[in-house]
N, C-alpha and C. Protein backbone atom coordinates (compact mmCIF):
# COMPACT_ATOMS: atom_id res chain seq x y z
N MET A 1 74.51 102.65 61.43
CA MET A 1 75.94 102.61 61.65
C MET A 1 76.37 103.87 62.39
N THR A 2 77.30 103.73 63.32
CA THR A 2 77.84 104.86 64.07
C THR A 2 78.56 105.81 63.13
N GLN A 3 78.40 107.10 63.35
CA GLN A 3 79.10 108.10 62.54
C GLN A 3 80.57 108.09 62.91
N LEU A 4 81.42 107.77 61.94
CA LEU A 4 82.85 107.71 62.17
C LEU A 4 83.53 108.93 61.57
N PRO A 5 84.70 109.30 62.09
CA PRO A 5 85.43 110.40 61.46
C PRO A 5 85.80 110.00 60.04
N THR A 6 86.00 110.97 59.19
CA THR A 6 86.35 110.66 57.81
C THR A 6 87.86 110.66 57.63
N LEU A 7 88.31 109.88 56.67
CA LEU A 7 89.72 109.78 56.33
C LEU A 7 89.91 110.44 54.98
N PRO A 8 90.90 111.32 54.83
CA PRO A 8 91.10 111.93 53.52
C PRO A 8 91.48 110.89 52.48
N GLN A 9 91.04 111.11 51.25
CA GLN A 9 91.38 110.19 50.16
C GLN A 9 92.88 110.27 49.90
N ALA A 10 93.41 109.16 49.37
CA ALA A 10 94.83 109.11 49.05
C ALA A 10 95.17 110.19 48.03
N SER A 11 96.29 110.84 48.24
CA SER A 11 96.70 111.91 47.33
C SER A 11 98.10 111.63 46.82
N ALA A 12 98.51 112.37 45.80
CA ALA A 12 99.86 112.25 45.26
C ALA A 12 100.88 112.65 46.32
N GLU A 13 100.55 113.65 47.12
CA GLU A 13 101.46 114.09 48.19
C GLU A 13 101.63 112.99 49.24
N GLN A 14 100.53 112.33 49.60
CA GLN A 14 100.62 111.23 50.56
C GLN A 14 101.41 110.06 49.98
N ARG A 15 101.27 109.83 48.67
CA ARG A 15 102.03 108.75 48.02
C ARG A 15 103.52 109.03 48.14
N GLN A 16 103.92 110.29 47.93
CA GLN A 16 105.33 110.66 48.04
C GLN A 16 105.83 110.52 49.47
N GLN A 17 104.99 110.90 50.45
CA GLN A 17 105.34 110.72 51.86
C GLN A 17 105.59 109.25 52.16
N LEU A 18 104.70 108.40 51.65
CA LEU A 18 104.82 106.97 51.88
C LEU A 18 106.08 106.42 51.23
N LEU A 19 106.37 106.84 50.01
CA LEU A 19 107.58 106.39 49.32
C LEU A 19 108.82 106.79 50.12
N GLN A 20 108.83 108.00 50.66
CA GLN A 20 109.96 108.46 51.47
C GLN A 20 110.11 107.61 52.72
N LEU A 21 108.99 107.32 53.40
CA LEU A 21 109.03 106.47 54.59
C LEU A 21 109.58 105.08 54.27
N LEU A 22 109.12 104.50 53.17
CA LEU A 22 109.60 103.17 52.78
C LEU A 22 111.10 103.20 52.48
N ALA A 23 111.55 104.24 51.79
CA ALA A 23 112.97 104.36 51.46
C ALA A 23 113.82 104.50 52.72
N GLU A 24 113.29 105.21 53.71
CA GLU A 24 114.05 105.45 54.95
C GLU A 24 113.98 104.29 55.93
N ARG A 25 112.78 103.70 56.09
CA ARG A 25 112.58 102.72 57.16
C ARG A 25 112.48 101.27 56.73
N ALA A 26 112.18 101.03 55.45
CA ALA A 26 111.92 99.65 55.01
C ALA A 26 113.01 99.09 54.10
N TYR A 27 113.75 99.95 53.45
CA TYR A 27 114.71 99.51 52.43
C TYR A 27 116.14 99.51 52.96
N ARG A 28 116.88 98.46 52.59
CA ARG A 28 118.31 98.38 52.90
C ARG A 28 119.04 97.88 51.67
N HIS A 29 120.25 98.42 51.45
CA HIS A 29 121.11 97.96 50.35
C HIS A 29 122.28 97.21 50.97
N GLY A 30 122.60 96.03 50.44
CA GLY A 30 123.68 95.20 50.96
C GLY A 30 123.59 93.82 50.35
N SER A 31 123.94 92.80 51.12
CA SER A 31 123.83 91.41 50.65
C SER A 31 122.89 90.66 51.59
N PHE A 32 121.79 90.15 51.04
CA PHE A 32 120.74 89.56 51.87
C PHE A 32 120.24 88.26 51.26
N THR A 33 119.79 87.33 52.13
CA THR A 33 119.09 86.13 51.70
C THR A 33 117.61 86.37 51.97
N LEU A 34 116.80 86.22 50.93
CA LEU A 34 115.37 86.51 51.03
C LEU A 34 114.59 85.28 51.48
N ALA A 35 113.32 85.46 51.84
CA ALA A 35 112.45 84.36 52.24
C ALA A 35 112.34 83.31 51.14
N SER A 36 112.47 83.74 49.90
CA SER A 36 112.39 82.81 48.76
C SER A 36 113.66 81.96 48.64
N GLY A 37 114.70 82.30 49.43
CA GLY A 37 115.97 81.59 49.34
C GLY A 37 116.97 82.27 48.41
N ARG A 38 116.50 83.20 47.63
CA ARG A 38 117.37 83.94 46.71
C ARG A 38 118.24 84.93 47.48
N THR A 39 119.38 85.28 46.89
CA THR A 39 120.19 86.35 47.46
C THR A 39 119.94 87.61 46.66
N SER A 40 120.07 88.75 47.33
CA SER A 40 119.78 90.03 46.68
C SER A 40 120.59 91.14 47.30
N ASP A 41 120.82 92.19 46.51
CA ASP A 41 121.46 93.41 47.00
C ASP A 41 120.45 94.33 47.66
N HIS A 42 119.16 94.00 47.55
CA HIS A 42 118.09 94.85 48.06
C HIS A 42 117.26 94.08 49.09
N TYR A 43 116.99 94.71 50.22
CA TYR A 43 116.14 94.12 51.25
C TYR A 43 115.02 95.09 51.56
N VAL A 44 113.80 94.59 51.57
CA VAL A 44 112.64 95.43 51.89
C VAL A 44 111.84 94.74 53.00
N ASN A 45 111.74 95.38 54.14
CA ASN A 45 110.94 94.91 55.26
C ASN A 45 109.97 96.04 55.59
N CYS A 46 108.72 95.91 55.17
CA CYS A 46 107.74 96.99 55.33
C CYS A 46 107.19 97.13 56.74
N LYS A 47 107.48 96.18 57.64
CA LYS A 47 106.89 96.24 58.97
C LYS A 47 107.22 97.51 59.76
N PRO A 48 108.45 98.06 59.67
CA PRO A 48 108.69 99.32 60.38
C PRO A 48 107.77 100.46 59.90
N VAL A 49 107.26 100.35 58.70
CA VAL A 49 106.33 101.36 58.18
C VAL A 49 104.89 100.95 58.49
N SER A 50 104.52 99.69 58.20
CA SER A 50 103.13 99.26 58.39
C SER A 50 102.73 99.16 59.85
N LEU A 51 103.71 99.08 60.76
CA LEU A 51 103.40 99.01 62.18
C LEU A 51 103.59 100.35 62.89
N SER A 52 103.78 101.41 62.11
CA SER A 52 103.80 102.76 62.69
C SER A 52 102.46 103.42 62.36
N GLY A 53 102.00 104.28 63.23
CA GLY A 53 100.71 104.94 63.00
C GLY A 53 100.67 105.72 61.70
N GLU A 54 101.69 106.55 61.47
CA GLU A 54 101.75 107.35 60.25
C GLU A 54 101.83 106.46 59.01
N GLY A 55 102.70 105.47 59.07
CA GLY A 55 102.88 104.58 57.92
C GLY A 55 101.62 103.80 57.59
N LEU A 56 100.96 103.25 58.62
CA LEU A 56 99.75 102.46 58.36
C LEU A 56 98.63 103.34 57.82
N ALA A 57 98.51 104.56 58.31
CA ALA A 57 97.48 105.47 57.80
C ALA A 57 97.71 105.75 56.31
N LEU A 58 98.96 106.03 55.95
CA LEU A 58 99.28 106.29 54.55
C LEU A 58 99.07 105.05 53.68
N LEU A 59 99.56 103.91 54.15
CA LEU A 59 99.41 102.65 53.41
C LEU A 59 97.94 102.30 53.20
N SER A 60 97.16 102.42 54.25
CA SER A 60 95.76 102.01 54.19
C SER A 60 94.97 102.80 53.16
N ALA A 61 95.18 104.11 53.14
CA ALA A 61 94.48 104.95 52.17
C ALA A 61 94.90 104.59 50.75
N GLN A 62 96.19 104.38 50.53
CA GLN A 62 96.69 104.06 49.19
C GLN A 62 96.21 102.68 48.74
N MET A 63 96.27 101.69 49.64
CA MET A 63 95.87 100.33 49.27
C MET A 63 94.36 100.23 49.03
N LEU A 64 93.58 100.95 49.84
CA LEU A 64 92.13 100.92 49.69
C LEU A 64 91.72 101.32 48.27
N GLU A 65 92.42 102.27 47.70
CA GLU A 65 92.08 102.73 46.34
C GLU A 65 92.26 101.62 45.29
N LEU A 66 93.06 100.59 45.61
CA LEU A 66 93.32 99.52 44.65
C LEU A 66 92.48 98.27 44.91
N VAL A 67 91.70 98.28 46.00
CA VAL A 67 90.80 97.15 46.29
C VAL A 67 89.62 97.20 45.34
N GLU A 68 89.27 96.05 44.77
CA GLU A 68 88.16 95.99 43.82
C GLU A 68 86.87 96.52 44.45
N PRO A 69 86.08 97.27 43.68
CA PRO A 69 84.83 97.82 44.21
C PRO A 69 83.87 96.73 44.70
N GLU A 70 83.90 95.55 44.07
CA GLU A 70 82.99 94.48 44.46
C GLU A 70 83.50 93.63 45.61
N ALA A 71 84.73 93.87 46.08
CA ALA A 71 85.28 93.09 47.19
C ALA A 71 84.52 93.39 48.48
N VAL A 72 84.24 92.34 49.25
CA VAL A 72 83.57 92.49 50.54
C VAL A 72 84.56 92.33 51.69
N ALA A 73 85.79 91.91 51.36
CA ALA A 73 86.82 91.72 52.38
C ALA A 73 88.20 91.83 51.74
N VAL A 74 89.17 92.12 52.59
CA VAL A 74 90.58 92.04 52.21
C VAL A 74 91.19 90.95 53.09
N ALA A 75 92.18 90.25 52.55
CA ALA A 75 92.79 89.15 53.28
C ALA A 75 94.26 89.09 52.96
N GLY A 76 95.02 88.46 53.84
CA GLY A 76 96.43 88.28 53.58
C GLY A 76 97.03 87.28 54.53
N LEU A 77 98.19 86.77 54.11
CA LEU A 77 98.90 85.77 54.90
C LEU A 77 99.55 86.44 56.11
N THR A 78 99.34 85.84 57.29
CA THR A 78 99.99 86.35 58.49
C THR A 78 101.50 86.19 58.33
N LEU A 79 102.25 87.03 58.69
CA LEU A 79 102.31 88.15 59.59
C LEU A 79 102.37 89.47 58.84
N GLY A 80 102.98 89.47 57.67
CA GLY A 80 103.17 90.73 56.95
C GLY A 80 101.89 91.45 56.61
N ALA A 81 100.82 90.69 56.33
CA ALA A 81 99.57 91.32 55.91
C ALA A 81 98.65 91.68 57.08
N ASP A 82 98.97 91.25 58.29
CA ASP A 82 98.07 91.51 59.42
C ASP A 82 97.75 92.99 59.60
N PRO A 83 98.75 93.88 59.71
CA PRO A 83 98.38 95.29 59.87
C PRO A 83 97.72 95.86 58.62
N LEU A 84 98.08 95.34 57.46
CA LEU A 84 97.52 95.87 56.21
C LEU A 84 96.02 95.62 56.11
N VAL A 85 95.59 94.37 56.37
CA VAL A 85 94.16 94.07 56.25
C VAL A 85 93.36 94.84 57.30
N SER A 86 93.92 94.97 58.49
CA SER A 86 93.22 95.72 59.55
C SER A 86 93.14 97.20 59.19
N GLY A 87 94.25 97.77 58.75
CA GLY A 87 94.28 99.19 58.39
C GLY A 87 93.36 99.53 57.23
N VAL A 88 93.35 98.67 56.22
CA VAL A 88 92.49 98.92 55.05
C VAL A 88 91.02 98.79 55.44
N ALA A 89 90.69 97.84 56.31
CA ALA A 89 89.30 97.70 56.76
C ALA A 89 88.87 98.95 57.53
N VAL A 90 89.75 99.49 58.36
CA VAL A 90 89.43 100.71 59.11
C VAL A 90 89.29 101.90 58.14
N ALA A 91 90.23 102.02 57.19
CA ALA A 91 90.15 103.12 56.21
C ALA A 91 88.84 103.03 55.43
N ALA A 92 88.43 101.81 55.09
CA ALA A 92 87.16 101.64 54.37
C ALA A 92 86.00 102.11 55.23
N ALA A 93 85.98 101.70 56.50
CA ALA A 93 84.90 102.11 57.41
C ALA A 93 84.84 103.63 57.54
N LEU A 94 86.01 104.26 57.63
CA LEU A 94 86.05 105.72 57.76
C LEU A 94 85.58 106.43 56.50
N SER A 95 85.64 105.73 55.37
CA SER A 95 85.15 106.32 54.12
C SER A 95 83.71 105.88 53.81
N GLY A 96 83.10 105.13 54.73
CA GLY A 96 81.71 104.72 54.55
C GLY A 96 81.52 103.43 53.78
N ARG A 97 82.59 102.68 53.58
CA ARG A 97 82.51 101.43 52.82
C ARG A 97 82.60 100.24 53.76
N ALA A 98 81.72 99.26 53.56
CA ALA A 98 81.78 98.03 54.34
C ALA A 98 82.82 97.10 53.72
N LEU A 99 83.86 96.79 54.48
CA LEU A 99 84.94 95.93 54.00
C LEU A 99 85.56 95.28 55.23
N ASP A 100 85.48 93.96 55.31
CA ASP A 100 86.03 93.24 56.45
C ASP A 100 87.47 92.81 56.19
N ALA A 101 88.14 92.38 57.26
CA ALA A 101 89.52 91.91 57.19
C ALA A 101 89.58 90.44 57.56
N LEU A 102 90.36 89.69 56.81
CA LEU A 102 90.60 88.28 57.10
C LEU A 102 92.10 88.02 57.16
N ILE A 103 92.50 87.18 58.08
CA ILE A 103 93.90 86.76 58.18
C ILE A 103 93.97 85.30 57.79
N VAL A 104 94.88 84.99 56.87
CA VAL A 104 95.09 83.61 56.42
C VAL A 104 96.28 83.06 57.20
N ARG A 105 96.05 81.98 57.93
CA ARG A 105 97.13 81.35 58.69
C ARG A 105 98.10 80.62 57.75
N LYS A 106 99.34 80.47 58.18
CA LYS A 106 100.33 79.73 57.39
C LYS A 106 100.07 78.24 57.45
N GLU A 107 99.40 77.81 58.51
CA GLU A 107 98.96 76.42 58.62
C GLU A 107 97.69 76.41 59.47
N ALA A 108 96.92 75.35 59.30
CA ALA A 108 95.65 75.27 60.03
C ALA A 108 95.91 75.31 61.53
N LYS A 109 94.99 75.95 62.24
CA LYS A 109 95.07 76.01 63.69
C LYS A 109 95.11 74.59 64.24
N GLY A 110 96.02 74.32 65.15
CA GLY A 110 96.19 72.96 65.67
C GLY A 110 95.22 72.58 66.78
N HIS A 111 94.25 73.43 67.06
CA HIS A 111 93.26 73.14 68.10
C HIS A 111 91.93 73.79 67.72
N GLY A 112 90.93 73.58 68.54
CA GLY A 112 89.61 74.18 68.28
C GLY A 112 89.06 73.77 66.94
N THR A 113 88.76 74.74 66.09
CA THR A 113 88.13 74.46 64.80
C THR A 113 89.13 74.06 63.71
N GLY A 114 90.42 74.24 63.96
CA GLY A 114 91.43 73.93 62.95
C GLY A 114 91.36 74.89 61.76
N ALA A 115 90.90 76.12 62.01
CA ALA A 115 90.65 77.09 60.93
C ALA A 115 91.94 77.60 60.28
N TRP A 116 91.84 77.83 58.97
CA TRP A 116 92.89 78.49 58.20
C TRP A 116 92.66 79.99 58.17
N LEU A 117 91.39 80.39 58.26
CA LEU A 117 91.01 81.80 58.12
C LEU A 117 90.47 82.35 59.44
N GLU A 118 90.88 83.58 59.75
CA GLU A 118 90.38 84.26 60.94
C GLU A 118 89.71 85.55 60.51
N GLY A 119 88.59 85.86 61.14
CA GLY A 119 87.87 87.09 60.84
C GLY A 119 86.43 86.78 60.49
N PRO A 120 85.64 87.80 60.21
CA PRO A 120 84.24 87.60 59.84
C PRO A 120 84.15 87.03 58.42
N LEU A 121 83.84 85.76 58.30
CA LEU A 121 83.84 85.09 57.00
C LEU A 121 82.62 85.50 56.17
N PRO A 122 82.86 85.98 54.95
CA PRO A 122 81.74 86.33 54.07
C PRO A 122 81.11 85.08 53.45
N GLU A 123 80.02 85.28 52.72
CA GLU A 123 79.35 84.18 52.03
C GLU A 123 80.28 83.58 50.98
N ALA A 124 80.14 82.28 50.76
CA ALA A 124 80.90 81.62 49.70
C ALA A 124 80.62 82.32 48.38
N GLY A 125 81.65 82.42 47.55
CA GLY A 125 81.52 83.08 46.26
C GLY A 125 81.82 84.56 46.29
N SER A 126 81.94 85.14 47.50
CA SER A 126 82.23 86.57 47.63
C SER A 126 83.62 86.89 47.10
N CYS A 127 83.76 88.12 46.62
CA CYS A 127 85.05 88.60 46.10
C CYS A 127 85.90 89.13 47.25
N ILE A 128 87.15 88.67 47.29
CA ILE A 128 88.11 89.10 48.30
C ILE A 128 89.38 89.56 47.59
N THR A 129 89.92 90.69 48.02
CA THR A 129 91.21 91.17 47.50
C THR A 129 92.29 90.79 48.50
N VAL A 130 93.38 90.21 48.00
CA VAL A 130 94.50 89.82 48.85
C VAL A 130 95.50 90.97 48.94
N LEU A 131 95.95 91.25 50.16
CA LEU A 131 96.95 92.29 50.41
C LEU A 131 98.27 91.64 50.81
N GLU A 132 99.36 92.26 50.40
CA GLU A 132 100.70 91.73 50.66
C GLU A 132 101.64 92.90 50.90
N ASP A 133 102.68 92.69 51.71
CA ASP A 133 103.64 93.77 51.91
C ASP A 133 104.67 93.81 50.78
N VAL A 134 105.31 92.69 50.49
CA VAL A 134 106.33 92.64 49.45
C VAL A 134 106.10 91.38 48.61
N VAL A 135 106.12 91.54 47.29
CA VAL A 135 106.03 90.39 46.39
C VAL A 135 107.38 90.21 45.71
N THR A 136 107.93 89.00 45.87
CA THR A 136 109.18 88.64 45.17
C THR A 136 108.81 87.62 44.11
N THR A 137 108.64 86.36 44.53
CA THR A 137 108.24 85.32 43.58
C THR A 137 106.72 85.13 43.57
N GLY A 138 106.05 85.69 44.57
CA GLY A 138 104.60 85.56 44.67
C GLY A 138 104.14 84.40 45.53
N GLY A 139 105.07 83.64 46.10
CA GLY A 139 104.72 82.43 46.87
C GLY A 139 103.78 82.68 48.03
N SER A 140 104.05 83.69 48.85
CA SER A 140 103.19 83.97 50.01
C SER A 140 101.79 84.38 49.57
N SER A 141 101.74 85.25 48.58
CA SER A 141 100.43 85.70 48.07
C SER A 141 99.64 84.54 47.52
N LEU A 142 100.30 83.68 46.77
CA LEU A 142 99.60 82.54 46.16
C LEU A 142 99.11 81.56 47.21
N LYS A 143 99.85 81.42 48.31
CA LYS A 143 99.39 80.55 49.39
C LYS A 143 98.07 81.09 49.96
N ALA A 144 98.02 82.40 50.18
CA ALA A 144 96.79 83.03 50.69
C ALA A 144 95.66 82.88 49.68
N VAL A 145 95.95 83.15 48.41
CA VAL A 145 94.94 83.03 47.35
C VAL A 145 94.39 81.62 47.30
N ASN A 146 95.26 80.62 47.33
CA ASN A 146 94.82 79.23 47.24
C ASN A 146 93.94 78.83 48.42
N GLN A 147 94.29 79.28 49.63
CA GLN A 147 93.46 78.97 50.81
C GLN A 147 92.08 79.62 50.67
N LEU A 148 92.04 80.84 50.19
CA LEU A 148 90.77 81.54 50.03
C LEU A 148 89.92 80.89 48.93
N ARG A 149 90.55 80.53 47.84
CA ARG A 149 89.81 79.87 46.75
C ARG A 149 89.29 78.51 47.20
N GLU A 150 90.11 77.76 47.95
CA GLU A 150 89.65 76.46 48.46
C GLU A 150 88.47 76.62 49.42
N ALA A 151 88.40 77.76 50.09
CA ALA A 151 87.29 78.03 51.01
C ALA A 151 86.04 78.52 50.28
N GLY A 152 86.14 78.66 48.94
CA GLY A 152 84.97 79.02 48.15
C GLY A 152 84.86 80.48 47.77
N TYR A 153 85.93 81.25 47.96
CA TYR A 153 85.88 82.66 47.64
C TYR A 153 86.48 82.95 46.26
N THR A 154 86.10 84.08 45.71
CA THR A 154 86.62 84.54 44.43
C THR A 154 87.76 85.52 44.71
N VAL A 155 88.93 85.23 44.17
CA VAL A 155 90.08 86.12 44.32
C VAL A 155 90.62 86.39 42.92
N ASN A 156 90.63 87.67 42.55
CA ASN A 156 91.12 88.08 41.23
C ASN A 156 92.30 89.03 41.30
N ARG A 157 92.53 89.63 42.47
CA ARG A 157 93.54 90.67 42.56
C ARG A 157 94.36 90.55 43.84
N VAL A 158 95.66 90.83 43.69
CA VAL A 158 96.58 90.96 44.82
C VAL A 158 97.12 92.38 44.78
N VAL A 159 97.07 93.05 45.92
CA VAL A 159 97.60 94.41 46.04
C VAL A 159 98.80 94.34 46.98
N THR A 160 99.95 94.83 46.51
CA THR A 160 101.17 94.80 47.32
C THR A 160 101.74 96.20 47.49
N ILE A 161 102.48 96.37 48.56
CA ILE A 161 103.17 97.65 48.77
C ILE A 161 104.31 97.76 47.76
N VAL A 162 105.17 96.72 47.73
CA VAL A 162 106.34 96.74 46.86
C VAL A 162 106.42 95.47 46.02
N ASP A 163 106.55 95.63 44.72
CA ASP A 163 106.84 94.52 43.81
C ASP A 163 108.34 94.55 43.56
N ARG A 164 109.03 93.47 43.96
CA ARG A 164 110.48 93.40 43.79
C ARG A 164 110.87 93.13 42.33
N GLN A 165 109.88 92.86 41.48
CA GLN A 165 110.13 92.65 40.05
C GLN A 165 111.03 91.42 39.82
N GLU A 166 110.75 90.34 40.56
CA GLU A 166 111.55 89.12 40.45
C GLU A 166 110.68 87.91 40.16
N GLY A 167 109.66 88.09 39.33
CA GLY A 167 108.84 86.96 38.92
C GLY A 167 107.45 86.91 39.53
N GLY A 168 107.19 87.76 40.49
CA GLY A 168 105.87 87.76 41.14
C GLY A 168 104.74 88.07 40.19
N LEU A 169 104.93 89.06 39.34
CA LEU A 169 103.90 89.44 38.38
C LEU A 169 103.58 88.28 37.46
N GLU A 170 104.61 87.61 36.97
CA GLU A 170 104.40 86.46 36.08
C GLU A 170 103.68 85.32 36.80
N ALA A 171 104.04 85.07 38.06
CA ALA A 171 103.39 84.02 38.84
C ALA A 171 101.91 84.34 39.07
N MET A 172 101.61 85.61 39.33
CA MET A 172 100.22 86.03 39.54
C MET A 172 99.42 85.87 38.24
N THR A 173 100.00 86.30 37.15
CA THR A 173 99.33 86.21 35.86
C THR A 173 99.03 84.74 35.53
N ALA A 174 100.00 83.85 35.77
CA ALA A 174 99.82 82.42 35.50
C ALA A 174 98.70 81.82 36.36
N ALA A 175 98.46 82.42 37.55
CA ALA A 175 97.40 81.94 38.44
C ALA A 175 96.07 82.65 38.19
N GLY A 176 96.01 83.45 37.11
CA GLY A 176 94.77 84.15 36.79
C GLY A 176 94.50 85.34 37.68
N LEU A 177 95.57 85.97 38.18
CA LEU A 177 95.44 87.09 39.10
C LEU A 177 96.02 88.36 38.50
N GLU A 178 95.48 89.48 38.95
CA GLU A 178 96.01 90.78 38.61
C GLU A 178 96.85 91.25 39.79
N LEU A 179 98.07 91.69 39.55
CA LEU A 179 98.92 92.24 40.61
C LEU A 179 98.94 93.76 40.49
N GLN A 180 98.54 94.43 41.56
CA GLN A 180 98.58 95.88 41.64
C GLN A 180 99.60 96.26 42.70
N SER A 181 100.56 97.10 42.36
CA SER A 181 101.62 97.49 43.29
C SER A 181 101.58 98.98 43.55
N LEU A 182 101.77 99.35 44.82
CA LEU A 182 101.90 100.76 45.12
C LEU A 182 103.22 101.28 44.56
N PHE A 183 104.29 100.46 44.70
CA PHE A 183 105.61 100.86 44.24
C PHE A 183 106.37 99.66 43.68
N LEU A 184 107.28 99.96 42.78
CA LEU A 184 108.23 98.97 42.30
C LEU A 184 109.51 99.13 43.13
N LEU A 185 110.25 98.05 43.27
CA LEU A 185 111.50 98.09 44.03
C LEU A 185 112.41 99.21 43.53
N GLU A 186 112.49 99.38 42.23
CA GLU A 186 113.39 100.39 41.67
C GLU A 186 113.04 101.80 42.14
N GLU A 187 111.74 102.07 42.38
CA GLU A 187 111.33 103.39 42.88
C GLU A 187 111.83 103.62 44.31
N VAL A 188 111.65 102.60 45.16
CA VAL A 188 112.07 102.71 46.55
C VAL A 188 113.59 102.81 46.63
N ALA A 189 114.29 101.99 45.85
CA ALA A 189 115.77 102.00 45.84
C ALA A 189 116.29 103.36 45.37
N ALA A 190 115.68 103.94 44.36
CA ALA A 190 116.13 105.24 43.82
C ALA A 190 115.98 106.35 44.85
N VAL A 191 114.85 106.36 45.57
CA VAL A 191 114.64 107.39 46.60
C VAL A 191 115.63 107.20 47.74
N SER A 192 115.88 105.94 48.11
CA SER A 192 116.84 105.65 49.17
C SER A 192 118.25 106.11 48.76
N ALA A 193 118.65 105.80 47.53
CA ALA A 193 119.97 106.19 47.04
C ALA A 193 120.11 107.71 46.99
N ALA A 194 119.07 108.39 46.56
CA ALA A 194 119.10 109.85 46.47
C ALA A 194 119.23 110.49 47.87
N SER A 195 118.60 109.91 48.86
CA SER A 195 118.67 110.49 50.20
C SER A 195 120.00 110.17 50.89
N ARG A 196 120.70 109.13 50.42
CA ARG A 196 122.01 108.79 50.98
C ARG A 196 123.12 109.64 50.37
N SER A 197 122.86 110.19 49.19
CA SER A 197 123.94 110.96 48.50
C SER A 197 123.90 112.43 48.81
């Protein structure tokens, strides 16, 4: 394997930097309709953070620490998880760990192979950790998990940037999954409120 530069391990200081970035660039307070159809006073869109170089570097290091040691790949539903799975795979390579990235389509490709999954597919039965940007009810994560399980993979854990604390944890538990969150919505909202005052 080619010698790659090393990436520093996630630290408490980097976690605080990431929390500040999320509070500044991803969080909004107001009246919003969410993808789940629910209305909320809180809106979290992690893409301004996950699609920035600094944000993705911080996210990747933090998320990698929560990926199961036995996982051979990370996967997530397109579009929110696309930068996450790529960033975590790169962070893993920089730390000397083999970990591939898979993208789960929202629907089967309408041409060619009709594939649901994109990326280097591991052997059936392999452990895959699902990555997500924001979990509300857990619907997007569960769609990715179900596609991966139907393809013959083992999925036990979902890692998210932000848990909105609106039923996602319960939905994951009911599906036999462990939900690991970098942050709870209340943490991001508190930092945002403090910086506005």
